[in-house]
Amino acid sequence: MTITPELIQERSINGEINKQDALDLLTVLIENSENDSLRLKSLTALQELNFRSEDLYNLLEHLLLSDENEEVRSLAGRILILSFSEKELKPIMWAIENETSYSCLSSLFESIREVDNFNYHKVLLSFLMNILHRLMKRRHLNF
């Protein structure tokens, strides 16, 4: 029998495996598979199972900051923002300042918009103000 994110999720929901084991199995799939679709399904399963742990936070932070696949970065950022909004903002700020993918940035902004956290909204506003400032500077206008 092939282990899939869906099977892991189903077995976790049914109580056949505990949350930590499900997290460990899904993490193995994310970290060791070259199949991006499988990795995204594993991340989605983690999100739907509503996990909260330091291990998961660290995995998501690593994926957001360094994964090659923009969809993986986008989903990792979304889960971080929606599930760990009480945590430190540095990874999200770094991603916003350094991300080159428009779709990933758009996903991060949309996730920030969905969360009710003033600090995240300040980060987004600061980013937008910096863009406006740079545009005004290019046009030699003071702001």
N, C-alpha and C. Protein backbone atom coordinates (compact mmCIF):
# COMPACT_ATOMS: atom_id res chain seq x y z
N MET A 1 0.84 -1.18 0.00
CA MET A 1 0.00 0.00 0.00
C MET A 1 0.89 1.24 0.00
N THR A 2 0.57 2.18 -0.87
CA THR A 2 1.31 3.42 -0.98
C THR A 2 0.80 4.40 0.07
N ILE A 3 1.74 5.05 0.74
CA ILE A 3 1.37 6.07 1.72
C ILE A 3 1.16 7.39 0.99
N THR A 4 -0.03 7.95 1.14
CA THR A 4 -0.36 9.22 0.50
C THR A 4 -0.77 10.22 1.59
N PRO A 5 -0.71 11.51 1.27
CA PRO A 5 -1.17 12.50 2.24
C PRO A 5 -2.64 12.28 2.64
N GLU A 6 -3.45 11.88 1.67
CA GLU A 6 -4.86 11.63 1.95
C GLU A 6 -5.03 10.47 2.94
N LEU A 7 -4.26 9.41 2.77
CA LEU A 7 -4.32 8.25 3.66
C LEU A 7 -3.87 8.64 5.07
N ILE A 8 -2.78 9.39 5.14
CA ILE A 8 -2.28 9.85 6.44
C ILE A 8 -3.34 10.71 7.13
N GLN A 9 -3.93 11.62 6.39
CA GLN A 9 -4.96 12.50 6.94
C GLN A 9 -6.15 11.68 7.43
N GLU A 10 -6.61 10.75 6.62
CA GLU A 10 -7.75 9.91 6.98
C GLU A 10 -7.46 9.10 8.25
N ARG A 11 -6.28 8.53 8.32
CA ARG A 11 -5.93 7.71 9.49
C ARG A 11 -5.77 8.57 10.74
N SER A 12 -5.32 9.80 10.57
CA SER A 12 -5.22 10.71 11.72
C SER A 12 -6.60 11.11 12.21
N ILE A 13 -7.49 11.41 11.30
CA ILE A 13 -8.86 11.78 11.66
C ILE A 13 -9.56 10.62 12.36
N ASN A 14 -9.34 9.41 11.86
CA ASN A 14 -9.97 8.21 12.43
C ASN A 14 -9.31 7.76 13.73
N GLY A 15 -8.21 8.38 14.11
CA GLY A 15 -7.54 8.01 15.34
C GLY A 15 -6.63 6.80 15.22
N GLU A 16 -6.40 6.34 13.99
CA GLU A 16 -5.53 5.18 13.79
C GLU A 16 -4.06 5.53 13.99
N ILE A 17 -3.72 6.80 13.76
CA ILE A 17 -2.38 7.29 14.07
C ILE A 17 -2.54 8.62 14.81
N ASN A 18 -1.60 8.91 15.69
CA ASN A 18 -1.72 10.16 16.45
C ASN A 18 -1.21 11.33 15.60
N LYS A 19 -1.47 12.53 16.10
CA LYS A 19 -1.12 13.74 15.34
C LYS A 19 0.37 13.85 15.08
N GLN A 20 1.18 13.51 16.07
CA GLN A 20 2.64 13.61 15.90
C GLN A 20 3.13 12.66 14.81
N ASP A 21 2.59 11.45 14.78
CA ASP A 21 2.98 10.49 13.73
C ASP A 21 2.54 10.99 12.35
N ALA A 22 1.33 11.56 12.30
CA ALA A 22 0.85 12.11 11.02
C ALA A 22 1.74 13.25 10.58
N LEU A 23 2.09 14.13 11.51
CA LEU A 23 2.99 15.24 11.20
C LEU A 23 4.33 14.72 10.70
N ASP A 24 4.87 13.73 11.37
CA ASP A 24 6.16 13.17 10.96
C ASP A 24 6.10 12.56 9.56
N LEU A 25 5.05 11.81 9.28
CA LEU A 25 4.90 11.17 7.96
C LEU A 25 4.73 12.22 6.85
N LEU A 26 3.89 13.21 7.11
CA LEU A 26 3.69 14.26 6.11
C LEU A 26 4.96 15.07 5.90
N THR A 27 5.71 15.29 6.96
CA THR A 27 6.98 16.01 6.85
C THR A 27 7.96 15.23 5.99
N VAL A 28 8.01 13.92 6.16
CA VAL A 28 8.90 13.08 5.35
C VAL A 28 8.52 13.22 3.87
N LEU A 29 7.22 13.20 3.58
CA LEU A 29 6.79 13.34 2.18
C LEU A 29 7.20 14.72 1.63
N ILE A 30 7.02 15.75 2.41
CA ILE A 30 7.35 17.11 1.96
C ILE A 30 8.85 17.26 1.73
N GLU A 31 9.64 16.77 2.67
CA GLU A 31 11.08 16.98 2.59
C GLU A 31 11.80 16.05 1.63
N ASN A 32 11.22 14.89 1.35
CA ASN A 32 11.96 13.90 0.56
C ASN A 32 11.41 13.66 -0.84
N SER A 33 10.26 14.20 -1.14
CA SER A 33 9.69 13.97 -2.46
C SER A 33 10.12 15.06 -3.44
N GLU A 34 10.33 14.66 -4.66
CA GLU A 34 10.59 15.63 -5.73
C GLU A 34 9.31 15.94 -6.49
N ASN A 35 8.22 15.28 -6.10
CA ASN A 35 6.92 15.48 -6.72
C ASN A 35 6.22 16.65 -6.02
N ASP A 36 6.19 17.80 -6.69
CA ASP A 36 5.62 19.00 -6.08
C ASP A 36 4.14 18.85 -5.77
N SER A 37 3.41 18.11 -6.59
CA SER A 37 2.00 17.88 -6.32
C SER A 37 1.81 17.12 -5.01
N LEU A 38 2.62 16.12 -4.78
CA LEU A 38 2.57 15.35 -3.54
C LEU A 38 2.94 16.23 -2.35
N ARG A 39 3.92 17.08 -2.52
CA ARG A 39 4.34 17.99 -1.45
C ARG A 39 3.22 18.97 -1.12
N LEU A 40 2.56 19.51 -2.14
CA LEU A 40 1.46 20.44 -1.91
C LEU A 40 0.28 19.74 -1.23
N LYS A 41 -0.01 18.52 -1.63
CA LYS A 41 -1.08 17.76 -0.98
C LYS A 41 -0.74 17.48 0.48
N SER A 42 0.52 17.24 0.75
CA SER A 42 0.96 17.01 2.13
C SER A 42 0.80 18.27 2.97
N LEU A 43 1.16 19.41 2.40
CA LEU A 43 0.97 20.68 3.11
C LEU A 43 -0.50 20.96 3.35
N THR A 44 -1.32 20.68 2.36
CA THR A 44 -2.76 20.88 2.50
C THR A 44 -3.32 19.98 3.60
N ALA A 45 -2.85 18.74 3.67
CA ALA A 45 -3.29 17.83 4.73
C ALA A 45 -2.89 18.38 6.10
N LEU A 46 -1.68 18.92 6.21
CA LEU A 46 -1.25 19.51 7.47
C LEU A 46 -2.17 20.67 7.86
N GLN A 47 -2.52 21.48 6.89
CA GLN A 47 -3.39 22.62 7.15
C GLN A 47 -4.78 22.14 7.58
N GLU A 48 -5.33 21.17 6.88
CA GLU A 48 -6.68 20.69 7.18
C GLU A 48 -6.75 19.95 8.51
N LEU A 49 -5.65 19.32 8.90
CA LEU A 49 -5.62 18.63 10.20
C LEU A 49 -5.41 19.61 11.35
N ASN A 50 -5.17 20.86 11.01
CA ASN A 50 -5.08 21.94 12.00
C ASN A 50 -3.99 21.68 13.04
N PHE A 51 -2.83 21.27 12.58
CA PHE A 51 -1.70 21.04 13.47
C PHE A 51 -1.15 22.36 13.99
N ARG A 52 -0.63 22.33 15.20
CA ARG A 52 0.10 23.46 15.77
C ARG A 52 1.25 22.87 16.57
N SER A 53 2.44 23.05 16.09
CA SER A 53 3.61 22.59 16.85
C SER A 53 4.82 23.39 16.41
N GLU A 54 5.82 23.40 17.25
CA GLU A 54 7.06 24.11 16.92
C GLU A 54 7.73 23.46 15.71
N ASP A 55 7.66 22.12 15.62
CA ASP A 55 8.24 21.41 14.47
C ASP A 55 7.57 21.85 13.17
N LEU A 56 6.26 21.95 13.20
CA LEU A 56 5.54 22.38 11.99
C LEU A 56 5.88 23.83 11.65
N TYR A 57 5.91 24.69 12.65
CA TYR A 57 6.28 26.08 12.42
C TYR A 57 7.65 26.17 11.74
N ASN A 58 8.62 25.43 12.26
CA ASN A 58 9.97 25.45 11.70
C ASN A 58 10.00 24.92 10.27
N LEU A 59 9.24 23.87 10.00
CA LEU A 59 9.15 23.34 8.63
C LEU A 59 8.56 24.38 7.69
N LEU A 60 7.46 24.99 8.08
CA LEU A 60 6.81 25.98 7.23
C LEU A 60 7.70 27.20 6.99
N GLU A 61 8.39 27.63 8.02
CA GLU A 61 9.31 28.76 7.89
C GLU A 61 10.41 28.42 6.89
N HIS A 62 10.97 27.23 7.00
CA HIS A 62 12.02 26.80 6.07
C HIS A 62 11.49 26.75 4.63
N LEU A 63 10.30 26.21 4.45
CA LEU A 63 9.72 26.13 3.11
C LEU A 63 9.45 27.52 2.54
N LEU A 64 8.91 28.41 3.37
CA LEU A 64 8.62 29.77 2.92
C LEU A 64 9.88 30.50 2.47
N LEU A 65 10.95 30.32 3.20
CA LEU A 65 12.16 31.10 2.94
C LEU A 65 13.08 30.48 1.90
N SER A 66 12.97 29.17 1.66
CA SER A 66 14.00 28.58 0.82
C SER A 66 13.54 27.54 -0.20
N ASP A 67 12.27 27.22 -0.24
CA ASP A 67 11.86 26.20 -1.22
C ASP A 67 11.93 26.75 -2.63
N GLU A 68 12.26 25.90 -3.57
CA GLU A 68 12.39 26.31 -4.97
C GLU A 68 11.03 26.51 -5.64
N ASN A 69 10.01 25.82 -5.15
CA ASN A 69 8.70 25.86 -5.79
C ASN A 69 7.86 27.00 -5.20
N GLU A 70 7.41 27.91 -6.04
CA GLU A 70 6.66 29.07 -5.56
C GLU A 70 5.31 28.69 -4.97
N GLU A 71 4.70 27.62 -5.46
CA GLU A 71 3.42 27.19 -4.89
C GLU A 71 3.62 26.64 -3.48
N VAL A 72 4.72 25.94 -3.26
CA VAL A 72 5.04 25.43 -1.93
C VAL A 72 5.32 26.61 -1.00
N ARG A 73 6.10 27.59 -1.47
CA ARG A 73 6.36 28.79 -0.65
C ARG A 73 5.06 29.51 -0.31
N SER A 74 4.19 29.65 -1.30
CA SER A 74 2.91 30.34 -1.10
C SER A 74 2.07 29.64 -0.05
N LEU A 75 1.92 28.32 -0.17
CA LEU A 75 1.09 27.58 0.77
C LEU A 75 1.71 27.56 2.16
N ALA A 76 3.02 27.40 2.23
CA ALA A 76 3.70 27.43 3.53
C ALA A 76 3.47 28.79 4.21
N GLY A 77 3.60 29.88 3.45
CA GLY A 77 3.36 31.21 4.00
C GLY A 77 1.93 31.38 4.45
N ARG A 78 1.01 30.89 3.65
CA ARG A 78 -0.42 30.99 4.01
C ARG A 78 -0.71 30.27 5.32
N ILE A 79 -0.18 29.06 5.46
CA ILE A 79 -0.41 28.30 6.69
C ILE A 79 0.24 29.01 7.88
N LEU A 80 1.44 29.53 7.68
CA LEU A 80 2.10 30.28 8.76
C LEU A 80 1.25 31.45 9.22
N ILE A 81 0.76 32.22 8.27
CA ILE A 81 -0.01 33.42 8.60
C ILE A 81 -1.33 33.06 9.27
N LEU A 82 -2.05 32.10 8.71
CA LEU A 82 -3.38 31.78 9.22
C LEU A 82 -3.34 30.93 10.49
N SER A 83 -2.32 30.09 10.64
CA SER A 83 -2.29 29.17 11.77
C SER A 83 -1.35 29.58 12.90
N PHE A 84 -0.39 30.44 12.57
CA PHE A 84 0.60 30.84 13.57
C PHE A 84 0.71 32.36 13.65
N SER A 85 -0.41 33.06 13.58
CA SER A 85 -0.37 34.51 13.54
C SER A 85 0.18 35.12 14.82
N GLU A 86 0.20 34.35 15.89
CA GLU A 86 0.73 34.88 17.15
C GLU A 86 2.25 34.80 17.21
N LYS A 87 2.86 34.12 16.27
CA LYS A 87 4.31 33.94 16.27
C LYS A 87 5.01 35.17 15.69
N GLU A 88 6.30 35.12 15.76
CA GLU A 88 7.16 36.18 15.27
C GLU A 88 6.91 36.47 13.78
N LEU A 89 6.99 37.74 13.41
CA LEU A 89 6.70 38.16 12.03
C LEU A 89 7.92 38.14 11.11
N LYS A 90 9.11 37.95 11.64
CA LYS A 90 10.31 38.07 10.83
C LYS A 90 10.31 37.23 9.56
N PRO A 91 9.91 35.96 9.61
CA PRO A 91 9.92 35.18 8.35
C PRO A 91 8.98 35.75 7.30
N ILE A 92 7.82 36.21 7.73
CA ILE A 92 6.85 36.78 6.79
C ILE A 92 7.40 38.08 6.23
N MET A 93 7.96 38.92 7.08
CA MET A 93 8.55 40.19 6.61
C MET A 93 9.67 39.92 5.62
N TRP A 94 10.52 38.95 5.93
CA TRP A 94 11.63 38.63 5.03
C TRP A 94 11.09 38.16 3.69
N ALA A 95 10.09 37.30 3.73
CA ALA A 95 9.51 36.79 2.48
C ALA A 95 8.92 37.91 1.65
N ILE A 96 8.20 38.82 2.29
CA ILE A 96 7.58 39.93 1.56
C ILE A 96 8.66 40.82 0.92
N GLU A 97 9.72 41.05 1.64
CA GLU A 97 10.78 41.92 1.13
C GLU A 97 11.64 41.26 0.05
N ASN A 98 11.72 39.94 0.05
CA ASN A 98 12.65 39.25 -0.84
C ASN A 98 12.01 38.36 -1.89
N GLU A 99 10.73 38.10 -1.78
CA GLU A 99 10.07 37.21 -2.73
C GLU A 99 10.03 37.85 -4.11
N THR A 100 10.33 37.05 -5.13
CA THR A 100 10.33 37.55 -6.51
C THR A 100 9.11 37.08 -7.30
N SER A 101 8.38 36.13 -6.77
CA SER A 101 7.21 35.60 -7.47
C SER A 101 5.98 36.44 -7.13
N TYR A 102 5.37 36.98 -8.18
CA TYR A 102 4.16 37.77 -7.98
C TYR A 102 3.06 36.93 -7.35
N SER A 103 2.88 35.70 -7.80
CA SER A 103 1.79 34.87 -7.26
C SER A 103 2.03 34.54 -5.79
N CYS A 104 3.27 34.34 -5.41
CA CYS A 104 3.58 34.07 -4.01
C CYS A 104 3.31 35.31 -3.15
N LEU A 105 3.76 36.47 -3.62
CA LEU A 105 3.48 37.71 -2.89
C LEU A 105 1.98 37.95 -2.77
N SER A 106 1.28 37.73 -3.84
CA SER A 106 -0.16 37.92 -3.85
C SER A 106 -0.83 37.01 -2.82
N SER A 107 -0.38 35.78 -2.75
CA SER A 107 -0.92 34.82 -1.78
C SER A 107 -0.63 35.27 -0.35
N LEU A 108 0.58 35.76 -0.12
CA LEU A 108 0.93 36.25 1.22
C LEU A 108 0.05 37.43 1.60
N PHE A 109 -0.13 38.38 0.68
CA PHE A 109 -0.96 39.55 0.95
C PHE A 109 -2.40 39.15 1.23
N GLU A 110 -2.91 38.24 0.44
CA GLU A 110 -4.29 37.78 0.63
C GLU A 110 -4.45 37.11 2.00
N SER A 111 -3.47 36.33 2.39
CA SER A 111 -3.53 35.66 3.70
C SER A 111 -3.47 36.68 4.82
N ILE A 112 -2.63 37.69 4.68
CA ILE A 112 -2.54 38.74 5.70
C ILE A 112 -3.88 39.47 5.80
N ARG A 113 -4.50 39.70 4.68
CA ARG A 113 -5.79 40.39 4.65
C ARG A 113 -6.86 39.58 5.40
N GLU A 114 -6.74 38.25 5.36
CA GLU A 114 -7.74 37.38 5.98
C GLU A 114 -7.58 37.26 7.50
N VAL A 115 -6.38 37.50 7.99
CA VAL A 115 -6.13 37.30 9.42
C VAL A 115 -6.40 38.59 10.19
N ASP A 116 -6.95 38.45 11.37
CA ASP A 116 -7.26 39.61 12.20
C ASP A 116 -6.10 39.84 13.17
N ASN A 117 -5.02 40.41 12.64
CA ASN A 117 -3.83 40.65 13.45
C ASN A 117 -3.24 41.99 13.03
N PHE A 118 -3.28 42.94 13.92
CA PHE A 118 -2.83 44.29 13.63
C PHE A 118 -1.37 44.31 13.18
N ASN A 119 -0.51 43.50 13.79
CA ASN A 119 0.91 43.49 13.43
C ASN A 119 1.12 43.07 11.98
N TYR A 120 0.35 42.10 11.52
CA TYR A 120 0.46 41.70 10.11
C TYR A 120 -0.01 42.83 9.20
N HIS A 121 -1.06 43.50 9.60
CA HIS A 121 -1.56 44.60 8.78
C HIS A 121 -0.54 45.74 8.73
N LYS A 122 0.18 45.97 9.83
CA LYS A 122 1.25 46.97 9.83
C LYS A 122 2.36 46.59 8.86
N VAL A 123 2.71 45.31 8.81
CA VAL A 123 3.74 44.84 7.88
C VAL A 123 3.31 45.11 6.45
N LEU A 124 2.09 44.79 6.14
CA LEU A 124 1.57 45.01 4.79
C LEU A 124 1.54 46.49 4.45
N LEU A 125 1.08 47.31 5.37
CA LEU A 125 1.04 48.75 5.14
C LEU A 125 2.44 49.32 4.95
N SER A 126 3.38 48.87 5.76
CA SER A 126 4.76 49.33 5.63
C SER A 126 5.34 48.96 4.27
N PHE A 127 5.06 47.75 3.82
CA PHE A 127 5.54 47.31 2.51
C PHE A 127 4.96 48.20 1.41
N LEU A 128 3.68 48.45 1.48
CA LEU A 128 3.03 49.29 0.46
C LEU A 128 3.55 50.72 0.50
N MET A 129 3.80 51.23 1.67
CA MET A 129 4.36 52.59 1.79
C MET A 129 5.76 52.66 1.19
N ASN A 130 6.56 51.61 1.39
CA ASN A 130 7.90 51.57 0.79
C ASN A 130 7.83 51.57 -0.73
N ILE A 131 6.90 50.82 -1.27
CA ILE A 131 6.72 50.80 -2.73
C ILE A 131 6.32 52.19 -3.22
N LEU A 132 5.37 52.80 -2.55
CA LEU A 132 4.92 54.13 -2.93
C LEU A 132 6.07 55.14 -2.85
N HIS A 133 6.85 55.04 -1.79
CA HIS A 133 8.00 55.93 -1.61
C HIS A 133 9.01 55.77 -2.76
N ARG A 134 9.30 54.53 -3.13
CA ARG A 134 10.24 54.28 -4.23
C ARG A 134 9.69 54.81 -5.55
N LEU A 135 8.41 54.62 -5.78
CA LEU A 135 7.81 55.13 -7.02
C LEU A 135 7.86 56.65 -7.07
N MET A 136 7.57 57.27 -5.96
CA MET A 136 7.61 58.73 -5.90
C MET A 136 9.04 59.24 -6.10
N LYS A 137 9.99 58.53 -5.54
CA LYS A 137 11.38 58.92 -5.67
C LYS A 137 11.83 58.83 -7.14
N ARG A 138 11.38 57.79 -7.81
CA ARG A 138 11.72 57.63 -9.23
C ARG A 138 11.18 58.79 -10.05
N ARG A 139 10.08 59.29 -9.64
CA ARG A 139 9.45 60.39 -10.38
C ARG A 139 9.89 61.75 -9.81
N HIS A 140 10.85 61.69 -8.89
CA HIS A 140 11.43 62.89 -8.27
C HIS A 140 10.39 63.72 -7.53
N LEU A 141 9.48 63.04 -6.90
CA LEU A 141 8.48 63.71 -6.08
C LEU A 141 8.80 63.41 -4.62
N ASN A 142 8.56 64.36 -3.79
CA ASN A 142 8.78 64.14 -2.36
C ASN A 142 7.53 63.55 -1.74
N PHE A 143 7.78 62.62 -0.82
CA PHE A 143 6.66 62.00 -0.13
C PHE A 143 6.98 61.91 1.33
